[in-house]
Amino acid sequence: MKIVVSGGGTGGHIYPALALIREIQKENKDAEFLYIGTINGLESKIVPRENIAFKSIHITGFKRKLSIENVKTVFRFLKGVKDSKRILKEFKPDIVIGTGGYVCGPVVYAAHKLRIPTIIHEQNSVPGLTNKFLSRYVNKIAICFEEAKAYFPSDKIVFTGNPRATEVIGKDGIKGRLSAGLSTTKSAVLIFGGSRGARPINESVVKAFAELAEKPYQILYITGDVHFEDVKKEVELVGSPNNVVIKPFIHNMPEVLAGIDLVVSRAGATTIAEITSLGIPSILVPSPYVTNNHQEKNARSLSDHGAAELLLEKDLNNKSLVNHIDRILLNKDNLQDMKIKAKKMGVPDAASRLYAVMRQLVKSKP
């Protein structure tokens, strides 16, 4: 099978695509892949490092307000469709899948025009502009949240989950803890705000250091590279508590997650896929700065089912943060109940599910 994958802009679109590719490679050694992205996007750096063939087109996203840039984007889209058609005719894929980001627009639309089977994967509870546009043209729409159904044609929807969920299964939690400098005997909380960190979360954690130092549990606090030195100075002022481990970034997140009892984080789709797959309770602080406020809706999908506690950024401070952690970690019954409910929401076989949908589309092609 020859497969074209397109997705870019953020890691939330790229990493599920890579997880899917890796799963397909396990199941089908003969599968061939071509990844189409933009030259300025993260995908242009990440994908080639995975030894996956990569080609780029030039395209920009639409502004939500009236703008002369949107006129330019229309012309870039039309050229992007033309360039994508040329690339697709050369590669001759059996199927094209878009995992999100504006680069998918011309690629998947071009595939539709060439009568190549198409599928889009929507990671969030609320879809972006590109997937809303493409939904009328593709053969299937794979979703990760039941809430996303309301935005798409019902006859095209299939629930698969996020392929990233598959990659965290089967990791050694003890090894993960030791690699991060954590004890193997105390309950562990992982706090992070994404690869660059999140200032409101950082500020609340810094102010809570003195109180956290007295707790019977331990904290692994990932600051993001840009905040690390400042946070390190703050923790030194309170005597560098033995139960608080601070790192700028960790490269083995799936392994570390396997040894964690509670997560405090933003509510990005990839994070939610990982923690539900492992059955990890969470305190979710959704970013209010994302399109359509989709992180809050992602978070509510978990909190409404008892798998997470929602803590809005406007309510976040050192006291509310510590209170939420204590309420979960210091109550074993509550912790266990949330673990069970988080696990129920997980889709550990998401990558295989998505690949099965792709195979069926190819098989049913006229």
Foldseek 3Di string as FASTA:
>chain_A
DEEEEEEWADCLQVVLVVLLVVVVCVVPVPYAYEYEYACPTPCVVPVVVVVHHYDYADADDDDPDDDPVNVVRVVSLVVLLVVLLVVCVVRVGQEYEYRYDPSVQSNQVSCLVVLRAYEYEALFLDRDPRCLVCQVRHQAYEYAFPSNCVSHDVVRYDYQHGSLQQVLPPAAQVVLQVVQVHDLPFAEEEEAEPQQGDVLSLQQVLVQLLVVLPDRHAYEYAHHPVCQVVSVVSCVVNPNRPRYGYDPDDDPVSNNLLNHQEYEYAQRSSVLQHCLSNLHEYEHAHDCPDPPSRRVVSVCSLVVQLLYHYDYSVRDHNVVVVVRCCVQPVDVVSSVVNSVSSNVSYNNCSSVRVVVVVVVSSVPRD
